[in-house]
Amino acid sequence: MDGFEVATRIRKIRSRSWPLIIAVTSSAEDNVWERCLQMGMNGMIRKPVLLQGMADELQRVLQRAGEGL
């Protein structure tokens, strides 16, 4: 089972907005972000993980989640 399948299963039993799901991927494919969104993920962090990039993505995801409240 990969992360896409896990996200799909979580979204089948939980809401679209909770829990927040953020993918961590080493994929260089251009369509990975679109696929993450289709599977119900809220964000994506690419490897190698840089601390600033992680902080930026977490902040973006949390801000969007807060707007939905």
N, C-alpha and C. Protein backbone atom coordinates (compact mmCIF):
# COMPACT_ATOMS: atom_id res chain seq x y z
N MET A 1 0.86 -1.17 0.00
CA MET A 1 0.00 0.00 0.00
C MET A 1 0.90 1.24 0.00
N ASP A 2 0.64 2.15 -0.93
CA ASP A 2 1.44 3.37 -0.99
C ASP A 2 0.69 4.53 -0.34
N GLY A 3 1.33 5.67 -0.29
CA GLY A 3 0.75 6.84 0.36
C GLY A 3 -0.54 7.31 -0.29
N PHE A 4 -0.65 7.14 -1.61
CA PHE A 4 -1.88 7.54 -2.30
C PHE A 4 -3.05 6.68 -1.84
N GLU A 5 -2.82 5.39 -1.72
CA GLU A 5 -3.88 4.49 -1.27
C GLU A 5 -4.26 4.76 0.19
N VAL A 6 -3.26 5.02 1.02
CA VAL A 6 -3.54 5.35 2.42
C VAL A 6 -4.39 6.61 2.51
N ALA A 7 -4.02 7.64 1.76
CA ALA A 7 -4.80 8.89 1.78
C ALA A 7 -6.23 8.66 1.32
N THR A 8 -6.40 7.87 0.27
CA THR A 8 -7.74 7.57 -0.23
C THR A 8 -8.57 6.85 0.82
N ARG A 9 -7.98 5.90 1.50
CA ARG A 9 -8.71 5.16 2.55
C ARG A 9 -9.09 6.07 3.71
N ILE A 10 -8.17 6.94 4.10
CA ILE A 10 -8.47 7.88 5.19
C ILE A 10 -9.63 8.78 4.79
N ARG A 11 -9.60 9.30 3.58
CA ARG A 11 -10.65 10.22 3.12
C ARG A 11 -12.00 9.54 2.98
N LYS A 12 -12.02 8.24 2.77
CA LYS A 12 -13.29 7.52 2.68
C LYS A 12 -14.01 7.46 4.03
N ILE A 13 -13.23 7.45 5.12
CA ILE A 13 -13.86 7.32 6.44
C ILE A 13 -13.82 8.61 7.25
N ARG A 14 -13.07 9.61 6.79
CA ARG A 14 -12.96 10.89 7.49
C ARG A 14 -13.35 12.01 6.55
N SER A 15 -13.31 13.22 7.05
CA SER A 15 -13.67 14.38 6.22
C SER A 15 -12.55 14.72 5.24
N ARG A 16 -12.87 15.59 4.32
CA ARG A 16 -11.90 16.03 3.31
C ARG A 16 -10.84 16.95 3.94
N SER A 17 -11.15 17.52 5.08
CA SER A 17 -10.23 18.50 5.67
C SER A 17 -9.52 18.01 6.93
N TRP A 18 -9.92 16.86 7.47
CA TRP A 18 -9.28 16.38 8.70
C TRP A 18 -9.19 14.88 8.68
N PRO A 19 -8.10 14.28 9.02
CA PRO A 19 -6.84 14.89 9.41
C PRO A 19 -6.13 15.49 8.19
N LEU A 20 -5.23 16.42 8.48
CA LEU A 20 -4.41 16.99 7.42
C LEU A 20 -3.41 15.93 6.97
N ILE A 21 -3.27 15.76 5.67
CA ILE A 21 -2.35 14.77 5.12
C ILE A 21 -1.34 15.50 4.24
N ILE A 22 -0.07 15.35 4.57
CA ILE A 22 1.00 15.98 3.80
C ILE A 22 1.94 14.88 3.31
N ALA A 23 2.08 14.79 2.01
CA ALA A 23 2.95 13.78 1.41
C ALA A 23 4.40 14.23 1.50
N VAL A 24 5.29 13.26 1.67
CA VAL A 24 6.72 13.50 1.57
C VAL A 24 7.19 12.57 0.46
N THR A 25 7.74 13.15 -0.61
CA THR A 25 8.07 12.36 -1.79
C THR A 25 9.45 12.70 -2.34
N SER A 26 10.05 11.71 -2.96
CA SER A 26 11.31 11.92 -3.67
C SER A 26 11.07 11.94 -5.17
N SER A 27 9.83 11.86 -5.57
CA SER A 27 9.48 11.83 -6.99
C SER A 27 9.82 13.15 -7.67
N ALA A 28 10.34 13.04 -8.87
CA ALA A 28 10.66 14.24 -9.66
C ALA A 28 9.58 14.49 -10.72
N GLU A 29 8.55 13.66 -10.74
CA GLU A 29 7.48 13.80 -11.73
C GLU A 29 6.71 15.10 -11.51
N ASP A 30 6.36 15.75 -12.60
CA ASP A 30 5.64 17.02 -12.53
C ASP A 30 4.20 16.86 -12.04
N ASN A 31 3.59 15.71 -12.26
CA ASN A 31 2.18 15.54 -11.93
C ASN A 31 1.93 15.03 -10.51
N VAL A 32 2.95 14.91 -9.70
CA VAL A 32 2.79 14.37 -8.35
C VAL A 32 1.88 15.26 -7.51
N TRP A 33 2.03 16.58 -7.60
CA TRP A 33 1.21 17.49 -6.80
C TRP A 33 -0.27 17.33 -7.17
N GLU A 34 -0.57 17.24 -8.46
CA GLU A 34 -1.95 17.07 -8.89
C GLU A 34 -2.52 15.75 -8.38
N ARG A 35 -1.71 14.71 -8.43
CA ARG A 35 -2.16 13.40 -7.94
C ARG A 35 -2.40 13.43 -6.44
N CYS A 36 -1.53 14.12 -5.70
CA CYS A 36 -1.73 14.26 -4.25
C CYS A 36 -3.07 14.94 -3.96
N LEU A 37 -3.37 16.00 -4.69
CA LEU A 37 -4.65 16.70 -4.50
C LEU A 37 -5.83 15.80 -4.83
N GLN A 38 -5.73 15.04 -5.91
CA GLN A 38 -6.80 14.14 -6.31
C GLN A 38 -7.07 13.08 -5.25
N MET A 39 -6.04 12.66 -4.54
CA MET A 39 -6.17 11.62 -3.53
C MET A 39 -6.60 12.18 -2.17
N GLY A 40 -6.76 13.50 -2.09
CA GLY A 40 -7.24 14.10 -0.85
C GLY A 40 -6.17 14.60 0.09
N MET A 41 -4.94 14.70 -0.40
CA MET A 41 -3.86 15.22 0.44
C MET A 41 -3.93 16.74 0.48
N ASN A 42 -3.43 17.30 1.56
CA ASN A 42 -3.48 18.74 1.75
C ASN A 42 -2.20 19.45 1.33
N GLY A 43 -1.11 18.71 1.23
CA GLY A 43 0.16 19.33 0.89
C GLY A 43 1.18 18.29 0.48
N MET A 44 2.36 18.80 0.08
CA MET A 44 3.42 17.90 -0.36
C MET A 44 4.78 18.54 -0.09
N ILE A 45 5.69 17.74 0.43
CA ILE A 45 7.07 18.16 0.67
C ILE A 45 7.96 17.23 -0.13
N ARG A 46 8.86 17.82 -0.92
CA ARG A 46 9.77 17.02 -1.74
C ARG A 46 11.08 16.75 -0.99
N LYS A 47 11.62 15.55 -1.21
CA LYS A 47 12.94 15.20 -0.69
C LYS A 47 13.97 15.67 -1.69
N PRO A 48 15.16 16.03 -1.28
CA PRO A 48 15.60 16.11 0.11
C PRO A 48 14.89 17.24 0.82
N VAL A 49 14.51 16.96 2.04
CA VAL A 49 13.73 17.91 2.83
C VAL A 49 14.65 19.01 3.36
N LEU A 50 14.29 20.24 3.02
CA LEU A 50 14.99 21.40 3.57
C LEU A 50 14.08 22.01 4.63
N LEU A 51 14.65 22.38 5.75
CA LEU A 51 13.87 22.88 6.88
C LEU A 51 12.97 24.04 6.48
N GLN A 52 13.48 24.99 5.71
CA GLN A 52 12.67 26.15 5.32
C GLN A 52 11.51 25.73 4.41
N GLY A 53 11.78 24.81 3.50
CA GLY A 53 10.73 24.32 2.62
C GLY A 53 9.64 23.60 3.39
N MET A 54 10.04 22.81 4.39
CA MET A 54 9.07 22.12 5.23
C MET A 54 8.23 23.13 6.02
N ALA A 55 8.89 24.11 6.60
CA ALA A 55 8.19 25.14 7.38
C ALA A 55 7.20 25.90 6.50
N ASP A 56 7.61 26.25 5.29
CA ASP A 56 6.74 26.99 4.37
C ASP A 56 5.50 26.18 4.01
N GLU A 57 5.69 24.90 3.71
CA GLU A 57 4.56 24.06 3.31
C GLU A 57 3.62 23.81 4.49
N LEU A 58 4.18 23.56 5.67
CA LEU A 58 3.33 23.37 6.85
C LEU A 58 2.52 24.63 7.15
N GLN A 59 3.15 25.78 7.03
CA GLN A 59 2.44 27.04 7.26
C GLN A 59 1.32 27.23 6.24
N ARG A 60 1.60 26.93 4.98
CA ARG A 60 0.59 27.06 3.92
C ARG A 60 -0.61 26.16 4.19
N VAL A 61 -0.33 24.90 4.53
CA VAL A 61 -1.40 23.93 4.78
C VAL A 61 -2.22 24.34 6.00
N LEU A 62 -1.57 24.76 7.06
CA LEU A 62 -2.29 25.16 8.27
C LEU A 62 -3.11 26.42 8.05
N GLN A 63 -2.60 27.36 7.27
CA GLN A 63 -3.38 28.57 6.96
C GLN A 63 -4.63 28.22 6.16
N ARG A 64 -4.48 27.36 5.17
CA ARG A 64 -5.65 26.95 4.37
C ARG A 64 -6.65 26.21 5.24
N ALA A 65 -6.16 25.38 6.16
CA ALA A 65 -7.07 24.65 7.05
C ALA A 65 -7.82 25.61 7.96
N GLY A 66 -7.13 26.65 8.43
CA GLY A 66 -7.76 27.65 9.29
C GLY A 66 -8.81 28.46 8.57
N GLU A 67 -8.63 28.68 7.28
CA GLU A 67 -9.61 29.42 6.49
C GLU A 67 -10.90 28.63 6.32
N GLY A 68 -10.80 27.31 6.42
CA GLY A 68 -11.97 26.47 6.24
C GLY A 68 -12.80 26.30 7.50
N LEU A 69 -12.33 26.86 8.61
CA LEU A 69 -13.06 26.70 9.88
C LEU A 69 -14.26 27.60 9.96
